[in-house]
Protein backbone atom coordinates (compact mmCIF):
# COMPACT_ATOMS: atom_id res chain seq x y z
CA MET A 1 116.04 119.90 115.49
CA VAL A 2 114.72 116.88 116.33
CA ASP A 3 115.47 115.45 119.44
CA ILE A 4 112.83 113.50 121.95
CA THR A 5 113.15 110.11 124.25
CA GLN A 6 111.43 108.85 125.75
CA ASP A 7 111.90 105.17 127.94
CA LYS A 8 114.60 103.20 125.46
CA ILE A 9 113.59 105.46 122.27
CA ARG A 10 115.26 107.68 120.89
CA ILE A 11 113.85 110.09 117.79
CA ARG A 12 116.16 112.30 116.59
CA THR A 13 117.67 114.36 113.24
CA MET A 14 119.40 112.59 110.92
CA VAL A 15 123.10 113.75 110.65
CA PRO A 16 125.75 112.17 107.21
CA GLY A 17 126.98 109.99 110.05
CA ASP A 18 123.93 108.17 109.58
CA ALA A 19 124.57 107.51 105.83
CA ALA A 20 126.41 103.81 106.73
CA VAL A 21 123.29 102.47 108.24
CA LEU A 22 120.49 104.06 105.78
CA LEU A 23 123.18 102.08 102.97
CA LYS A 24 122.69 99.13 105.33
CA TRP A 25 118.50 99.42 105.72
CA MET A 26 118.13 100.30 101.40
CA THR A 27 120.28 96.66 100.33
CA ASP A 28 118.05 94.89 102.02
CA ALA A 29 115.63 92.82 100.16
CA ARG A 30 113.36 93.08 103.64
CA VAL A 31 113.10 96.28 104.18
CA LEU A 32 112.74 97.38 100.14
CA GLU A 33 109.20 94.82 99.78
CA PHE A 34 107.79 97.24 101.91
CA TYR A 35 110.18 100.63 101.41
CA GLU A 36 110.86 101.65 98.35
CA GLY A 37 111.45 98.22 96.38
CA ARG A 38 113.56 95.59 96.20
CA ASP A 39 113.95 96.88 92.19
CA ARG A 40 116.17 99.91 93.46
CA GLN A 41 119.64 99.22 93.53
CA TYR A 42 120.66 102.02 96.63
CA THR A 43 124.70 102.56 96.22
CA GLU A 44 126.74 104.97 98.73
CA GLU A 45 125.76 107.41 96.13
CA LEU A 46 122.19 107.07 96.32
CA ILE A 47 122.06 107.01 99.61
CA GLN A 48 123.15 111.02 99.64
CA GLU A 49 121.11 111.76 96.76
CA ASP A 50 118.09 110.59 97.98
CA PHE A 51 118.67 111.54 102.04
CA PHE A 52 120.79 114.00 101.84
CA GLU A 53 121.07 116.32 99.04
CA GLU A 54 117.34 116.75 99.51
CA ASN A 55 116.80 120.70 100.30
CA ASN A 56 114.05 121.18 101.64
CA ASP A 57 114.09 122.64 104.96
CA SER A 58 109.80 121.85 106.41
CA VAL A 59 111.27 118.16 106.53
CA MET A 60 112.43 116.63 109.13
CA LYS A 61 114.26 113.73 108.38
CA VAL A 62 114.90 111.33 111.27
CA ILE A 63 116.54 108.23 112.40
CA VAL A 64 114.80 106.18 115.21
CA GLU A 65 116.93 104.62 117.55
CA TYR A 66 116.12 101.96 120.07
CA ASP A 67 118.41 101.31 123.11
CA GLY A 68 120.86 103.40 121.58
CA VAL A 69 120.84 101.62 118.37
CA PRO A 70 120.05 103.09 114.94
CA ILE A 71 116.28 101.03 113.48
CA GLY A 72 114.64 102.86 111.67
CA TYR A 73 114.28 106.37 109.51
CA GLY A 74 111.20 108.69 109.57
CA GLN A 75 110.38 112.07 107.48
CA ILE A 76 107.51 114.07 109.09
CA TYR A 77 106.27 117.02 106.70
CA PRO A 78 104.54 118.87 106.69
CA MET A 79 101.85 118.43 103.85
CA GLY A 80 101.60 120.76 100.53
CA ASP A 81 98.76 122.38 98.04
CA GLU A 82 99.51 119.10 95.57
CA ASP A 83 98.64 117.18 98.73
CA TYR A 84 96.02 118.25 100.20
CA THR A 85 93.52 118.41 96.43
CA HIS A 86 95.15 114.97 96.23
CA TYR A 87 93.64 113.54 99.90
CA GLY A 88 90.93 116.03 99.43
CA TYR A 89 91.26 117.67 102.70
CA ASP A 90 89.18 121.11 101.81
CA ASN A 91 89.98 122.64 105.07
CA ARG A 92 93.77 124.27 104.67
CA ASN A 93 94.08 126.61 107.26
CA GLU A 94 94.12 123.14 109.35
CA THR A 95 97.98 121.88 110.02
CA VAL A 96 97.98 118.78 108.60
CA TYR A 97 101.34 116.20 108.70
CA CYS A 98 102.37 113.56 106.33
CA LEU A 99 104.75 110.91 107.57
CA ASP A 100 106.95 108.36 105.87
CA GLN A 101 108.81 105.97 108.07
CA PHE A 102 110.61 102.27 108.62
CA ILE A 103 111.90 99.78 111.34
CA GLY A 104 115.07 99.58 108.57
CA GLU A 105 116.11 96.16 111.00
CA PRO A 106 114.17 93.05 111.24
CA ASN A 107 114.27 92.06 114.06
CA TYR A 108 113.70 95.15 115.63
CA TRP A 109 109.49 94.50 114.12
CA ASN A 110 106.91 93.02 116.16
CA LYS A 111 107.82 94.23 119.15
CA GLY A 112 105.74 97.40 119.77
CA ILE A 113 108.42 99.61 119.08
CA GLY A 114 106.70 100.79 115.46
CA THR A 115 104.02 102.17 118.05
CA GLU A 116 105.72 103.96 120.17
CA TYR A 117 108.20 105.61 117.69
CA ILE A 118 104.74 106.42 116.01
CA LYS A 119 102.89 108.24 119.90
CA LEU A 120 105.49 110.10 119.94
CA VAL A 121 105.91 112.09 116.89
CA LEU A 122 101.81 112.13 117.55
CA LYS A 123 102.52 114.09 120.43
CA PHE A 124 105.82 115.98 119.07
CA LEU A 125 103.44 117.31 116.06
CA ARG A 126 100.82 118.34 118.76
CA GLU A 127 102.73 119.91 121.29
CA GLU A 128 105.96 121.54 119.48
CA LYS A 129 103.73 122.16 115.56
CA GLN A 130 99.86 122.11 116.39
CA ALA A 131 98.85 119.60 114.62
CA ASP A 132 95.57 119.15 114.03
CA ALA A 133 95.62 115.78 111.79
CA VAL A 134 98.51 113.29 110.28
CA VAL A 135 98.34 111.44 107.49
CA MET A 136 100.17 108.39 105.58
CA ASP A 137 99.06 106.65 102.59
CA PRO A 138 100.66 102.89 103.45
CA HIS A 139 100.61 99.74 101.19
CA GLN A 140 97.42 97.82 101.29
CA ASP A 141 99.24 95.00 101.71
CA ASN A 142 100.76 96.11 104.66
CA VAL A 143 99.74 94.44 106.80
CA ARG A 144 102.71 94.53 109.33
CA ALA A 145 102.59 98.45 109.20
CA LEU A 146 98.72 98.92 109.23
CA LYS A 147 98.27 97.46 112.55
CA CYS A 148 100.54 99.56 113.62
CA TYR A 149 99.44 102.43 112.54
CA GLN A 150 95.58 101.49 113.80
CA LYS A 151 97.17 100.82 117.40
CA ALA A 152 98.81 104.64 117.16
CA GLY A 153 95.23 105.45 117.33
CA PHE A 154 95.62 105.90 113.10
CA ARG A 155 92.35 105.27 110.99
CA ILE A 156 91.51 104.60 107.32
CA LEU A 157 90.12 106.92 105.78
CA LYS A 158 90.32 105.97 102.39
CA SER A 159 91.17 103.45 99.37
CA LEU A 160 93.69 104.93 97.32
CA PRO A 161 93.74 102.77 94.49
CA GLU A 162 96.96 102.40 91.99
CA HIS A 163 98.48 105.63 94.25
CA GLU A 164 102.08 104.58 94.08
CA LEU A 165 105.30 103.11 91.60
CA HIS A 166 106.23 99.97 93.27
CA GLU A 167 108.54 97.54 92.47
CA GLY A 168 107.16 98.13 88.41
CA LYS A 169 103.70 97.80 89.43
CA MET A 170 101.08 100.78 91.00
CA ARG A 171 99.88 99.75 94.60
CA ASP A 172 96.97 100.44 95.83
CA CYS A 173 97.20 102.77 99.25
CA TYR A 174 94.88 104.02 101.88
CA LEU A 175 94.77 107.09 103.28
CA MET A 176 94.97 107.15 106.99
CA GLU A 177 94.14 109.86 109.06
CA TYR A 178 95.49 110.72 113.39
CA ARG A 179 92.33 113.28 114.13
CA TYR A 180 93.38 115.32 117.66
CA GLN A 181 90.11 115.85 119.25
């Protein structure tokens, strides 16, 4: 269970009642341009399937609230064996977490909220999960996200050519890492 609050930002575990706001976000072309793709047609059933039916206890699915308003989604999970190999991490004794997220309310973009969200998650992962590092693999053309992650302390480790299928095309991504000192 996740419930973190700092100033106006709250990060909490997703609940079934969040399905309606997820459907709103996942049918907004502005959001889909960067997350999942505008060619993916979300329905109530697909929201249930993609966000609620996956039964993996190691994935923390969270809603980001700002001043009491749900504005975003995130998933936080430990790096699996396949990812250690794929990303080239040799030290499997390290505790490494992965992050995926989006701000689903475009009116809240470019306000620094994403950076503050990332910083809160980084603090949580260090204090509660004893993480050694955190990684993400954003699309190389998602300039706003890249700036956000870099402001939060992530650095680009390497390019991941043709890493993710997005809108019918294999997209180049970056492997970004935050390493605790």
